[in-house]
Amino acid sequence: MASNFTQSLSANRAGCAGCYLRHFCLSADLNDAETEIFSSHIVSQRRVPKGEILFRAGDPLDTLFITRLGSFKSSVLNENGSEQVTDFHMTGEVLGAEAIPTGYHICTVTALEDSEICSLRYRELEAFCDRDLKIARQFRLLLGRKIVAAHQNLLILGCTNSTQLLASFLLNLARKFEARGFSKSEFVLRMTRGELGSFLGLKLETVSRTLTHFDELNLIEINQRHVRIINLEGLKAVAKESGRAKRKTSQE
C-alpha cells in the first residue's frame, strides 16, 4: 500500500488547481485561467527528504517556499556553535520571508520529515504582484500570517515555567492542525524532544518529564511522538494558571 506521503504527492501533481491548500496560498482568489498561468510561470514543486537543508543562513534570497506537505524547522547557530531552534513550520506556511529586508537568509531551514515544497521565484513573484492585485493581496495575507505566528511564539516563550510552556505549545499546535482541517486532539510531534527543548529553552529531560507529567494527570496520552489530547480544558487551565501567577508577581 502506498504511503500517505506518496498518495498526497500523486493527488497533487495537477499543480495549484488541484491543491488541497489552495485556500491557504497565493492562488486562493484566482479563477481557473489565472491559476493555470500562475502555476505554469511561477510555481514548481519538489520533494525534500527528511533532514535535507532547504537553505542556509547567509544564502542569498532568490526563492520563497511554501510548505505543501510535511514540516520544517528554522535554526541558527549560537556563539558556542550549538543549534538553536527558532521556529517550526507546517503545511501552508511561507519559508524564507525573513530574507526579504536584507536579501539574505538569517536562519537555516531543515525538513523534519519527508516533505514537499512549492518554490516561488521571488523576483518573478514581485513582478506578478505589481500586475495582479489578487496575488498582491494574498501575498500580504501570507506575510501577515507569519507575523501572527511570530506573535504567538512570543506569547509561548514568555511563559514562566515548563508546564505552561509545554501546555501553551501543545494548544497552539492543536489550533494550527485544526485550521488546516486536521484533528486538533490527535497528532504527531515531528520534532524531537531535544529540538522542542531548544525552541522552548528547556532541557531535554525537562521536556520529557513535563510531557510524562501531563500524561499522568490524564491531560494527554503520549506514545513516543504521538500525542492525543484527552482533556483540552484541563490543558488550557494549566496554561492559564501559570499565566495568572505571572501577572500576580508582576503586580506585587
Protein backbone atom coordinates (compact mmCIF):
# COMPACT_ATOMS: atom_id res chain seq x y z
CA MET A 1 0.00 0.00 0.00
CA ALA A 2 1.29 3.46 -0.89
CA SER A 3 2.27 5.75 1.97
CA ASN A 4 0.21 8.86 2.80
CA PHE A 5 3.15 10.90 1.52
CA THR A 6 3.13 9.15 -1.87
CA GLN A 7 -0.64 9.29 -2.14
CA SER A 8 -0.65 13.01 -1.40
CA LEU A 9 2.04 13.63 -4.00
CA SER A 10 0.08 11.71 -6.63
CA ALA A 11 -3.12 13.59 -5.80
CA ASN A 12 -1.46 16.99 -6.07
CA ARG A 13 0.57 16.74 -9.27
CA ALA A 14 -2.02 18.87 -11.07
CA GLY A 15 -0.47 21.98 -9.52
CA CYS A 16 -2.29 24.86 -7.83
CA ALA A 17 -5.71 23.99 -9.30
CA GLY A 18 -5.87 20.62 -7.52
CA CYS A 19 -4.04 21.52 -4.32
CA TYR A 20 -5.95 20.99 -1.08
CA LEU A 21 -4.09 24.00 0.40
CA ARG A 22 -5.16 26.38 -2.34
CA HIS A 23 -7.32 28.41 0.07
CA PHE A 24 -4.18 28.93 2.21
CA CYS A 25 -1.95 30.01 -0.64
CA LEU A 26 -1.32 32.70 -3.25
CA SER A 27 -3.78 31.38 -5.82
CA ALA A 28 -6.76 31.44 -3.43
CA ASP A 29 -8.60 34.27 -5.23
CA LEU A 30 -7.67 33.34 -8.81
CA ASN A 31 -10.06 31.87 -11.34
CA ASP A 32 -9.11 28.71 -13.24
CA ALA A 33 -7.43 30.52 -16.14
CA GLU A 34 -5.45 32.80 -13.83
CA THR A 35 -4.45 29.84 -11.67
CA GLU A 36 -3.09 27.99 -14.69
CA ILE A 37 -0.98 31.00 -15.69
CA PHE A 38 0.30 31.49 -12.14
CA SER A 39 1.13 27.81 -11.71
CA SER A 40 2.99 27.48 -15.01
CA HIS A 41 5.08 30.65 -14.70
CA ILE A 42 5.97 30.79 -11.01
CA VAL A 43 5.35 27.60 -9.07
CA SER A 44 7.44 24.46 -9.16
CA GLN A 45 7.22 21.54 -6.74
CA ARG A 46 9.77 19.14 -5.37
CA ARG A 47 10.32 16.66 -2.61
CA VAL A 48 12.52 17.49 0.35
CA PRO A 49 13.63 14.32 2.19
CA LYS A 50 13.81 14.29 5.97
CA GLY A 51 16.98 16.00 7.18
CA GLU A 52 17.64 17.89 3.93
CA ILE A 53 18.52 21.57 4.28
CA LEU A 54 16.29 23.83 2.18
CA PHE A 55 18.53 26.88 2.61
CA ARG A 56 21.25 28.02 5.00
CA ALA A 57 21.83 31.19 6.96
CA GLY A 58 23.76 33.57 4.72
CA ASP A 59 22.37 32.24 1.44
CA PRO A 60 21.03 34.95 -0.90
CA LEU A 61 17.28 35.22 -1.36
CA ASP A 62 16.22 34.05 -4.80
CA THR A 63 13.27 31.81 -3.94
CA LEU A 64 10.43 31.73 -1.44
CA PHE A 65 8.92 28.39 -0.48
CA ILE A 66 5.53 27.26 0.72
CA THR A 67 5.24 24.02 2.67
CA ARG A 68 2.83 21.88 0.71
CA LEU A 69 3.32 18.69 2.67
CA GLY A 70 5.32 17.90 5.79
CA SER A 71 7.11 20.15 8.27
CA PHE A 72 10.36 22.07 8.77
CA LYS A 73 12.40 23.75 11.48
CA SER A 74 14.30 27.03 11.45
CA SER A 75 17.55 27.25 13.38
CA VAL A 76 20.60 29.42 13.95
CA LEU A 77 23.99 28.70 15.44
CA ASN A 78 24.79 30.12 18.87
CA GLU A 79 28.16 31.67 19.65
CA ASN A 80 29.33 28.31 21.00
CA GLY A 81 28.37 26.62 17.71
CA SER A 82 25.32 24.76 19.04
CA GLU A 83 22.00 24.78 17.23
CA GLN A 84 19.18 27.00 18.48
CA VAL A 85 15.77 26.14 17.05
CA THR A 86 13.82 29.33 16.36
CA ASP A 87 10.59 28.05 14.81
CA PHE A 88 8.65 25.10 13.41
CA HIS A 89 6.71 25.27 10.14
CA MET A 90 3.65 23.36 8.97
CA THR A 91 1.74 23.00 5.72
CA GLY A 92 0.74 26.27 4.12
CA GLU A 93 3.49 28.35 5.73
CA VAL A 94 5.94 30.57 3.84
CA LEU A 95 9.63 29.75 4.22
CA GLY A 96 12.33 32.30 3.51
CA ALA A 97 10.38 35.53 4.02
CA GLU A 98 12.78 36.64 6.76
CA ALA A 99 15.32 37.35 4.00
CA ILE A 100 13.17 39.96 2.22
CA PRO A 101 14.52 43.03 4.14
CA THR A 102 18.22 42.23 3.56
CA GLY A 103 18.23 39.83 0.61
CA TYR A 104 19.98 37.14 2.71
CA HIS A 105 18.61 34.36 4.88
CA ILE A 106 19.24 34.69 8.62
CA CYS A 107 18.42 31.10 9.53
CA THR A 108 18.82 27.55 8.26
CA VAL A 109 15.66 25.61 7.38
CA THR A 110 15.65 21.80 7.55
CA ALA A 111 12.96 19.21 6.78
CA LEU A 112 11.69 17.41 9.89
CA GLU A 113 10.13 14.66 7.78
CA ASP A 114 9.73 13.74 4.12
CA SER A 115 8.11 16.89 2.78
CA GLU A 116 7.11 18.72 -0.36
CA ILE A 117 7.51 22.41 -1.14
CA CYS A 118 6.34 24.83 -3.80
CA SER A 119 9.12 27.15 -4.99
CA LEU A 120 8.29 30.73 -5.95
CA ARG A 121 11.00 32.75 -7.68
CA TYR A 122 10.99 35.93 -5.64
CA ARG A 123 11.68 38.48 -8.39
CA GLU A 124 9.00 36.97 -10.60
CA LEU A 125 6.61 36.97 -7.67
CA GLU A 126 7.29 40.67 -7.11
CA ALA A 127 6.56 41.37 -10.77
CA PHE A 128 3.40 39.28 -10.58
CA CYS A 129 2.24 41.25 -7.51
CA ASP A 130 2.75 44.51 -9.46
CA ARG A 131 0.49 43.21 -12.24
CA ASP A 132 -2.15 41.34 -10.24
CA LEU A 133 -3.87 42.82 -7.19
CA LYS A 134 -5.27 39.41 -6.19
CA ILE A 135 -1.78 37.92 -5.91
CA ALA A 136 -0.51 41.01 -4.09
CA ARG A 137 -3.36 40.79 -1.57
CA GLN A 138 -2.75 37.09 -0.93
CA PHE A 139 0.99 37.65 -0.56
CA ARG A 140 0.32 40.30 2.09
CA LEU A 141 -2.03 37.86 3.79
CA LEU A 142 0.63 35.14 3.89
CA LEU A 143 3.17 37.56 5.35
CA GLY A 144 0.56 38.72 7.85
CA ARG A 145 0.08 35.14 8.99
CA LYS A 146 3.83 34.94 9.61
CA ILE A 147 3.60 37.98 11.86
CA VAL A 148 0.68 36.48 13.78
CA ALA A 149 2.58 33.19 14.17
CA ALA A 150 5.65 35.07 15.44
CA HIS A 151 3.45 36.89 17.97
CA GLN A 152 2.01 33.57 19.17
CA ASN A 153 5.54 32.21 19.57
CA LEU A 154 6.47 35.22 21.70
CA LEU A 155 3.47 34.59 23.93
CA ILE A 156 4.53 30.96 24.36
CA LEU A 157 8.15 31.83 25.06
CA GLY A 158 7.04 34.41 27.61
CA CYS A 159 5.68 31.65 29.84
CA THR A 160 7.19 31.38 33.31
CA ASN A 161 7.70 27.62 33.75
CA SER A 162 7.98 24.34 31.89
CA THR A 163 4.36 23.28 32.45
CA GLN A 164 3.00 26.50 30.98
CA LEU A 165 5.50 26.37 28.11
CA LEU A 166 4.56 22.82 27.09
CA ALA A 167 0.83 23.33 27.61
CA SER A 168 0.84 26.54 25.54
CA PHE A 169 2.91 24.92 22.80
CA LEU A 170 0.58 21.92 22.52
CA LEU A 171 -2.51 24.15 22.47
CA ASN A 172 -1.02 26.36 19.76
CA LEU A 173 -0.06 23.28 17.73
CA ALA A 174 -3.59 21.91 18.11
CA ARG A 175 -5.02 25.20 16.78
CA LYS A 176 -2.73 25.04 13.76
CA PHE A 177 -3.78 21.49 12.94
CA GLU A 178 -7.45 22.42 13.28
CA ALA A 179 -7.03 25.43 10.96
CA ARG A 180 -5.71 23.04 8.29
CA GLY A 181 -8.61 20.66 8.60
CA PHE A 182 -6.81 18.06 10.73
CA SER A 183 -7.60 16.75 14.19
CA LYS A 184 -6.90 19.20 16.99
CA SER A 185 -6.81 16.43 19.57
CA GLU A 186 -4.55 13.82 17.98
CA PHE A 187 -1.31 14.48 16.12
CA VAL A 188 2.36 13.56 15.81
CA LEU A 189 5.21 15.73 17.05
CA ARG A 190 7.58 15.77 14.09
CA MET A 191 10.36 17.44 16.07
CA THR A 192 12.50 15.54 18.57
CA ARG A 193 12.18 16.38 22.24
CA GLY A 194 15.65 17.88 22.04
CA GLU A 195 14.52 20.21 19.23
CA LEU A 196 11.39 21.09 21.17
CA GLY A 197 13.51 21.87 24.21
CA SER A 198 15.83 24.04 22.13
CA PHE A 199 12.86 26.07 20.89
CA LEU A 200 11.30 26.45 24.34
CA GLY A 201 14.56 26.99 26.21
CA LEU A 202 14.20 23.77 28.19
CA LYS A 203 16.48 20.82 28.78
CA LEU A 204 15.54 17.57 27.04
CA GLU A 205 14.97 15.93 30.43
CA THR A 206 12.56 18.70 31.44
CA VAL A 207 10.55 18.30 28.23
CA SER A 208 10.27 14.53 28.75
CA ARG A 209 9.42 14.87 32.44
CA THR A 210 6.73 17.50 31.79
CA LEU A 211 5.08 15.52 28.99
CA THR A 212 5.06 12.45 31.24
CA HIS A 213 3.51 14.58 34.00
CA PHE A 214 0.73 15.69 31.62
CA ASP A 215 0.15 12.03 30.80
CA GLU A 216 -0.08 11.12 34.49
CA LEU A 217 -2.60 13.94 35.02
CA ASN A 218 -4.70 12.49 32.17
CA LEU A 219 -4.36 15.70 30.19
CA ILE A 220 -2.78 13.88 27.26
CA GLU A 221 -1.80 10.42 26.17
CA ILE A 222 1.67 10.26 24.67
CA ASN A 223 3.36 7.35 22.94
CA GLN A 224 6.80 8.37 21.69
CA ARG A 225 5.85 11.28 19.37
CA HIS A 226 2.16 10.50 19.05
CA VAL A 227 0.03 12.85 21.18
CA ARG A 228 -3.66 12.63 21.99
CA ILE A 229 -5.20 15.47 23.99
CA ILE A 230 -7.83 13.90 26.24
CA ASN A 231 -8.58 16.90 28.49
CA LEU A 232 -8.43 20.06 26.41
CA GLU A 233 -9.95 22.28 29.10
CA GLY A 234 -7.56 20.89 31.67
CA LEU A 235 -4.60 21.67 29.43
CA LYS A 236 -5.92 25.20 28.95
CA ALA A 237 -6.24 25.55 32.71
CA VAL A 238 -2.58 24.62 33.17
CA ALA A 239 -1.55 27.41 30.80
CA LYS A 240 -3.93 29.96 32.35
CA GLU A 241 -2.96 29.14 35.94
CA SER A 242 0.72 29.84 35.24
CA GLY A 243 -0.31 32.97 33.37
CA ARG A 244 -2.26 34.27 36.41
CA ALA A 245 0.73 33.55 38.64
CA LYS A 246 2.94 35.58 36.32
CA ARG A 247 0.55 38.57 36.33
CA LYS A 248 0.25 38.45 40.13
CA THR A 249 4.02 38.51 40.53
CA SER A 250 4.37 41.49 38.18
CA GLN A 251 1.78 43.47 40.18
CA GLU A 252 3.45 42.93 43.56
